[in-house]
PDB file of all heavy atoms in Angstrom:
ATOM      1  N   GLU A   1      11.024 -11.924   5.197  1.00  0.00           N
ATOM      2  CA  GLU A   1       9.610 -12.219   4.996  1.00  0.00           C
ATOM      3  C   GLU A   1       8.756 -10.965   4.882  1.00  0.00           C
ATOM      4  O   GLU A   1       7.585 -11.058   4.559  1.00  0.00           O
ATOM      5  CB  GLU A   1       9.073 -13.051   6.167  1.00  0.00           C
ATOM      6  CG  GLU A   1       9.685 -14.411   6.292  1.00  0.00           C
ATOM      7  CD  GLU A   1       9.119 -15.162   7.483  1.00  0.00           C
ATOM      8  OE1 GLU A   1       8.283 -14.603   8.207  1.00  0.00           O
ATOM      9  OE2 GLU A   1       9.518 -16.305   7.683  1.00  0.00           O
ATOM     10  N   HIS A   2       9.322  -9.828   5.189  1.00  0.00           N
ATOM     11  CA  HIS A   2       8.518  -8.618   5.250  1.00  0.00           C
ATOM     12  C   HIS A   2       9.109  -7.516   4.382  1.00  0.00           C
ATOM     13  O   HIS A   2      10.309  -7.471   4.171  1.00  0.00           O
ATOM     14  CB  HIS A   2       8.448  -8.078   6.676  1.00  0.00           C
ATOM     15  CG  HIS A   2       7.827  -9.010   7.645  1.00  0.00           C
ATOM     16  ND1 HIS A   2       8.532  -9.989   8.272  1.00  0.00           N
ATOM     17  CD2 HIS A   2       6.562  -9.114   8.095  1.00  0.00           C
ATOM     18  CE1 HIS A   2       7.728 -10.664   9.080  1.00  0.00           C
ATOM     19  NE2 HIS A   2       6.527 -10.152   8.992  1.00  0.00           N
ATOM     20  N   ALA A   3       8.254  -6.655   3.923  1.00  0.00           N
ATOM     21  CA  ALA A   3       8.670  -5.394   3.327  1.00  0.00           C
ATOM     22  C   ALA A   3       8.033  -4.305   4.179  1.00  0.00           C
ATOM     23  O   ALA A   3       6.904  -4.445   4.642  1.00  0.00           O
ATOM     24  CB  ALA A   3       8.198  -5.294   1.887  1.00  0.00           C
ATOM     25  N   LEU A   4       8.748  -3.243   4.404  1.00  0.00           N
ATOM     26  CA  LEU A   4       8.214  -2.090   5.113  1.00  0.00           C
ATOM     27  C   LEU A   4       8.010  -0.994   4.088  1.00  0.00           C
ATOM     28  O   LEU A   4       8.964  -0.555   3.454  1.00  0.00           O
ATOM     29  CB  LEU A   4       9.168  -1.626   6.214  1.00  0.00           C
ATOM     30  CG  LEU A   4       8.770  -0.335   6.928  1.00  0.00           C
ATOM     31  CD1 LEU A   4       7.447  -0.515   7.656  1.00  0.00           C
ATOM     32  CD2 LEU A   4       9.855   0.091   7.894  1.00  0.00           C
ATOM     33  N   ILE A   5       6.768  -0.589   3.919  1.00  0.00           N
ATOM     34  CA  ILE A   5       6.421   0.443   2.949  1.00  0.00           C
ATOM     35  C   ILE A   5       6.120   1.721   3.706  1.00  0.00           C
ATOM     36  O   ILE A   5       5.372   1.708   4.688  1.00  0.00           O
ATOM     37  CB  ILE A   5       5.186   0.024   2.127  1.00  0.00           C
ATOM     38  CG1 ILE A   5       5.464  -1.280   1.391  1.00  0.00           C
ATOM     39  CG2 ILE A   5       4.763   1.119   1.173  1.00  0.00           C
ATOM     40  CD1 ILE A   5       4.245  -1.903   0.791  1.00  0.00           C
ATOM     41  N   THR A   6       6.697   2.813   3.268  1.00  0.00           N
ATOM     42  CA  THR A   6       6.407   4.112   3.841  1.00  0.00           C
ATOM     43  C   THR A   6       5.676   4.932   2.787  1.00  0.00           C
ATOM     44  O   THR A   6       6.196   5.149   1.692  1.00  0.00           O
ATOM     45  CB  THR A   6       7.699   4.842   4.270  1.00  0.00           C
ATOM     46  OG1 THR A   6       8.397   4.013   5.189  1.00  0.00           O
ATOM     47  CG2 THR A   6       7.367   6.167   4.934  1.00  0.00           C
ATOM     48  N   LEU A   7       4.465   5.353   3.121  1.00  0.00           N
ATOM     49  CA  LEU A   7       3.633   6.119   2.192  1.00  0.00           C
ATOM     50  C   LEU A   7       3.477   7.541   2.695  1.00  0.00           C
ATOM     51  O   LEU A   7       3.333   7.769   3.899  1.00  0.00           O
ATOM     52  CB  LEU A   7       2.256   5.468   2.068  1.00  0.00           C
ATOM     53  CG  LEU A   7       2.262   4.022   1.596  1.00  0.00           C
ATOM     54  CD1 LEU A   7       0.968   3.347   1.958  1.00  0.00           C
ATOM     55  CD2 LEU A   7       2.506   3.962   0.118  1.00  0.00           C
ATOM     56  N   LYS A   8       3.477   8.482   1.767  1.00  0.00           N
ATOM     57  CA  LYS A   8       3.298   9.884   2.125  1.00  0.00           C
ATOM     58  C   LYS A   8       2.671  10.592   0.932  1.00  0.00           C
ATOM     59  O   LYS A   8       3.009  10.300  -0.218  1.00  0.00           O
ATOM     60  CB  LYS A   8       4.645  10.506   2.470  1.00  0.00           C
ATOM     61  CG  LYS A   8       4.558  11.872   3.098  1.00  0.00           C
ATOM     62  CD  LYS A   8       5.901  12.264   3.666  1.00  0.00           C
ATOM     63  CE  LYS A   8       6.402  13.478   2.956  1.00  0.00           C
ATOM     64  NZ  LYS A   8       7.642  13.999   3.525  1.00  0.00           N
ATOM     65  N   ALA A   9       1.764  11.510   1.187  1.00  0.00           N
ATOM     66  CA  ALA A   9       1.092  12.251   0.121  1.00  0.00           C
ATOM     67  C   ALA A   9       1.189  13.744   0.409  1.00  0.00           C
ATOM     68  O   ALA A   9       1.345  14.157   1.555  1.00  0.00           O
ATOM     69  CB  ALA A   9      -0.373  11.837   0.029  1.00  0.00           C
ATOM     70  N   ASP A  10       1.086  14.545  -0.637  1.00  0.00           N
ATOM     71  CA  ASP A  10       1.139  15.991  -0.438  1.00  0.00           C
ATOM     72  C   ASP A  10      -0.241  16.600  -0.190  1.00  0.00           C
ATOM     73  O   ASP A  10      -0.354  17.773   0.143  1.00  0.00           O
ATOM     74  CB  ASP A  10       1.833  16.689  -1.608  1.00  0.00           C
ATOM     75  CG  ASP A  10       1.200  16.386  -2.946  1.00  0.00           C
ATOM     76  OD1 ASP A  10       0.266  15.567  -3.002  1.00  0.00           O
ATOM     77  OD2 ASP A  10       1.652  16.976  -3.947  1.00  0.00           O
ATOM     78  N   LYS A  11      -1.304  15.780  -0.350  1.00  0.00           N
ATOM     79  CA  LYS A  11      -2.649  16.235  -0.004  1.00  0.00           C
ATOM     80  C   LYS A  11      -3.417  15.071   0.615  1.00  0.00           C
ATOM     81  O   LYS A  11      -2.983  13.921   0.557  1.00  0.00           O
ATOM     82  CB  LYS A  11      -3.379  16.803  -1.214  1.00  0.00           C
ATOM     83  CG  LYS A  11      -3.537  15.848  -2.357  1.00  0.00           C
ATOM     84  CD  LYS A  11      -4.201  16.540  -3.536  1.00  0.00           C
ATOM     85  CE  LYS A  11      -4.267  15.599  -4.719  1.00  0.00           C
ATOM     86  NZ  LYS A  11      -4.910  16.219  -5.853  1.00  0.00           N
ATOM     87  N   PHE A  12      -4.558  15.352   1.204  1.00  0.00           N
ATOM     88  CA  PHE A  12      -5.362  14.342   1.890  1.00  0.00           C
ATOM     89  C   PHE A  12      -5.795  13.239   0.916  1.00  0.00           C
ATOM     90  O   PHE A  12      -6.253  13.519  -0.189  1.00  0.00           O
ATOM     91  CB  PHE A  12      -6.601  15.009   2.499  1.00  0.00           C
ATOM     92  CG  PHE A  12      -7.490  14.053   3.233  1.00  0.00           C
ATOM     93  CD1 PHE A  12      -7.119  13.535   4.465  1.00  0.00           C
ATOM     94  CD2 PHE A  12      -8.702  13.669   2.691  1.00  0.00           C
ATOM     95  CE1 PHE A  12      -7.944  12.657   5.154  1.00  0.00           C
ATOM     96  CE2 PHE A  12      -9.540  12.790   3.364  1.00  0.00           C
ATOM     97  CZ  PHE A  12      -9.160  12.283   4.597  1.00  0.00           C
ATOM     98  N   VAL A  13      -5.625  11.990   1.346  1.00  0.00           N
ATOM     99  CA  VAL A  13      -6.064  10.826   0.562  1.00  0.00           C
ATOM    100  C   VAL A  13      -7.026  10.039   1.433  1.00  0.00           C
ATOM    101  O   VAL A  13      -6.675   9.578   2.514  1.00  0.00           O
ATOM    102  CB  VAL A  13      -4.869   9.944   0.153  1.00  0.00           C
ATOM    103  CG1 VAL A  13      -5.356   8.723  -0.632  1.00  0.00           C
ATOM    104  CG2 VAL A  13      -3.855  10.733  -0.648  1.00  0.00           C
ATOM    105  N   ARG A  14      -8.256   9.879   0.949  1.00  0.00           N
ATOM    106  CA  ARG A  14      -9.296   9.205   1.725  1.00  0.00           C
ATOM    107  C   ARG A  14      -9.380   7.730   1.361  1.00  0.00           C
ATOM    108  O   ARG A  14      -9.397   7.366   0.194  1.00  0.00           O
ATOM    109  CB  ARG A  14     -10.642   9.872   1.474  1.00  0.00           C
ATOM    110  CG  ARG A  14     -11.779   9.219   2.211  1.00  0.00           C
ATOM    111  CD  ARG A  14     -13.021  10.100   2.205  1.00  0.00           C
ATOM    112  NE  ARG A  14     -14.170   9.451   2.739  1.00  0.00           N
ATOM    113  CZ  ARG A  14     -14.363   9.201   4.026  1.00  0.00           C
ATOM    114  NH1 ARG A  14     -13.448   9.555   4.899  1.00  0.00           N
ATOM    115  NH2 ARG A  14     -15.457   8.608   4.435  1.00  0.00           N
ATOM    116  N   ALA A  15      -9.443   6.879   2.373  1.00  0.00           N
ATOM    117  CA  ALA A  15      -9.658   5.434   2.224  1.00  0.00           C
ATOM    118  C   ALA A  15      -8.711   4.809   1.198  1.00  0.00           C
ATOM    119  O   ALA A  15      -9.130   4.191   0.238  1.00  0.00           O
ATOM    120  CB  ALA A  15     -11.109   5.142   1.858  1.00  0.00           C
ATOM    121  N   LEU A  16      -7.434   4.952   1.443  1.00  0.00           N
ATOM    122  CA  LEU A  16      -6.416   4.380   0.568  1.00  0.00           C
ATOM    123  C   LEU A  16      -6.425   2.864   0.713  1.00  0.00           C
ATOM    124  O   LEU A  16      -6.352   2.330   1.820  1.00  0.00           O
ATOM    125  CB  LEU A  16      -5.040   4.936   0.930  1.00  0.00           C
ATOM    126  CG  LEU A  16      -3.887   4.478   0.056  1.00  0.00           C
ATOM    127  CD1 LEU A  16      -4.038   5.027  -1.355  1.00  0.00           C
ATOM    128  CD2 LEU A  16      -2.573   4.912   0.651  1.00  0.00           C
ATOM    129  N   ALA A  17      -6.540   2.177  -0.404  1.00  0.00           N
ATOM    130  CA  ALA A  17      -6.548   0.710  -0.425  1.00  0.00           C
ATOM    131  C   ALA A  17      -5.312   0.242  -1.178  1.00  0.00           C
ATOM    132  O   ALA A  17      -5.044   0.681  -2.290  1.00  0.00           O
ATOM    133  CB  ALA A  17      -7.800   0.194  -1.114  1.00  0.00           C
ATOM    134  N   LEU A  18      -4.550  -0.653  -0.570  1.00  0.00           N
ATOM    135  CA  LEU A  18      -3.341  -1.194  -1.170  1.00  0.00           C
ATOM    136  C   LEU A  18      -3.575  -2.621  -1.633  1.00  0.00           C
ATOM    137  O   LEU A  18      -4.340  -3.367  -1.019  1.00  0.00           O
ATOM    138  CB  LEU A  18      -2.204  -1.198  -0.145  1.00  0.00           C
ATOM    139  CG  LEU A  18      -1.846   0.129   0.503  1.00  0.00           C
ATOM    140  CD1 LEU A  18      -0.813  -0.094   1.602  1.00  0.00           C
ATOM    141  CD2 LEU A  18      -1.346   1.110  -0.522  1.00  0.00           C
ATOM    142  N   SER A  19      -2.886  -3.014  -2.694  1.00  0.00           N
ATOM    143  CA  SER A  19      -2.888  -4.409  -3.129  1.00  0.00           C
ATOM    144  C   SER A  19      -1.593  -4.680  -3.882  1.00  0.00           C
ATOM    145  O   SER A  19      -0.892  -3.751  -4.285  1.00  0.00           O
ATOM    146  CB  SER A  19      -4.109  -4.724  -4.008  1.00  0.00           C
ATOM    147  OG  SER A  19      -4.100  -3.940  -5.172  1.00  0.00           O
ATOM    148  N   ILE A  20      -1.286  -5.947  -4.060  1.00  0.00           N
ATOM    149  CA  ILE A  20      -0.081  -6.356  -4.774  1.00  0.00           C
ATOM    150  C   ILE A  20      -0.522  -7.164  -5.982  1.00  0.00           C
ATOM    151  O   ILE A  20      -1.072  -8.266  -5.831  1.00  0.00           O
ATOM    152  CB  ILE A  20       0.855  -7.173  -3.873  1.00  0.00           C
ATOM    153  CG1 ILE A  20       1.238  -6.353  -2.647  1.00  0.00           C
ATOM    154  CG2 ILE A  20       2.094  -7.608  -4.643  1.00  0.00           C
ATOM    155  CD1 ILE A  20       1.981  -7.134  -1.591  1.00  0.00           C
ATOM    156  N   ASP A  21      -0.325  -6.625  -7.166  1.00  0.00           N
ATOM    157  CA  ASP A  21      -0.719  -7.301  -8.404  1.00  0.00           C
ATOM    158  C   ASP A  21       0.029  -8.618  -8.572  1.00  0.00           C
ATOM    159  O   ASP A  21       1.203  -8.723  -8.223  1.00  0.00           O
ATOM    160  CB  ASP A  21      -0.433  -6.421  -9.614  1.00  0.00           C
ATOM    161  CG  ASP A  21      -1.455  -5.324  -9.801  1.00  0.00           C
ATOM    162  OD1 ASP A  21      -2.516  -5.380  -9.150  1.00  0.00           O
ATOM    163  OD2 ASP A  21      -1.204  -4.409 -10.604  1.00  0.00           O
ATOM    164  N   GLY A  22      -0.661  -9.613  -9.093  1.00  0.00           N
ATOM    165  CA  GLY A  22      -0.031 -10.883  -9.414  1.00  0.00           C
ATOM    166  C   GLY A  22       0.085 -11.857  -8.263  1.00  0.00           C
ATOM    167  O   GLY A  22       0.664 -12.923  -8.431  1.00  0.00           O
ATOM    168  N   THR A  23      -0.451 -11.511  -7.110  1.00  0.00           N
ATOM    169  CA  THR A  23      -0.409 -12.439  -5.983  1.00  0.00           C
ATOM    170  C   THR A  23      -1.588 -12.192  -5.053  1.00  0.00           C
ATOM    171  O   THR A  23      -2.056 -11.071  -4.921  1.00  0.00           O
ATOM    172  CB  THR A  23       0.909 -12.324  -5.181  1.00  0.00           C
ATOM    173  OG1 THR A  23       0.917 -13.360  -4.192  1.00  0.00           O
ATOM    174  CG2 THR A  23       1.061 -10.987  -4.520  1.00  0.00           C
ATOM    175  N   GLU A  24      -2.060 -13.260  -4.461  1.00  0.00           N
ATOM    176  CA  GLU A  24      -3.088 -13.144  -3.425  1.00  0.00           C
ATOM    177  C   GLU A  24      -2.517 -13.604  -2.090  1.00  0.00           C
ATOM    178  O   GLU A  24      -3.211 -13.619  -1.086  1.00  0.00           O
ATOM    179  CB  GLU A  24      -4.317 -13.970  -3.803  1.00  0.00           C
ATOM    180  CG  GLU A  24      -5.030 -13.400  -5.019  1.00  0.00           C
ATOM    181  CD  GLU A  24      -6.324 -14.128  -5.321  1.00  0.00           C
ATOM    182  OE1 GLU A  24      -6.832 -14.859  -4.459  1.00  0.00           O
ATOM    183  OE2 GLU A  24      -6.811 -13.951  -6.438  1.00  0.00           O
ATOM    184  N   ASP A  25      -1.238 -13.969  -2.095  1.00  0.00           N
ATOM    185  CA  ASP A  25      -0.574 -14.484  -0.912  1.00  0.00           C
ATOM    186  C   ASP A  25       0.195 -13.359  -0.219  1.00  0.00           C
ATOM    187  O   ASP A  25       1.415 -13.282  -0.317  1.00  0.00           O
ATOM    188  CB  ASP A  25       0.375 -15.616  -1.305  1.00  0.00           C
ATOM    189  CG  ASP A  25       1.091 -16.210  -0.113  1.00  0.00           C
ATOM    190  OD1 ASP A  25       0.541 -16.136   1.006  1.00  0.00           O
ATOM    191  OD2 ASP A  25       2.197 -16.738  -0.289  1.00  0.00           O
ATOM    192  N   TYR A  26      -0.533 -12.470   0.456  1.00  0.00           N
ATOM    193  CA  TYR A  26       0.121 -11.398   1.196  1.00  0.00           C
ATOM    194  C   TYR A  26      -0.773 -10.928   2.335  1.00  0.00           C
ATOM    195  O   TYR A  26      -1.970 -11.176   2.346  1.00  0.00           O
ATOM    196  CB  TYR A  26       0.484 -10.224   0.288  1.00  0.00           C
ATOM    197  CG  TYR A  26      -0.693  -9.504  -0.343  1.00  0.00           C
ATOM    198  CD1 TYR A  26      -1.294  -8.426   0.301  1.00  0.00           C
ATOM    199  CD2 TYR A  26      -1.198  -9.896  -1.566  1.00  0.00           C
ATOM    200  CE1 TYR A  26      -2.372  -7.772  -0.266  1.00  0.00           C
ATOM    201  CE2 TYR A  26      -2.265  -9.245  -2.141  1.00  0.00           C
ATOM    202  CZ  TYR A  26      -2.842  -8.181  -1.490  1.00  0.00           C
ATOM    203  OH  TYR A  26      -3.910  -7.534  -2.050  1.00  0.00           O
TER     204      TYR A  26
END
């Protein structure tokens, strides 16, 4: 039922917003 996402950037990222295209059920 779950996915574990690991995010990492090489520079500062302000107010990162995630979404999944094609679905609102998440």
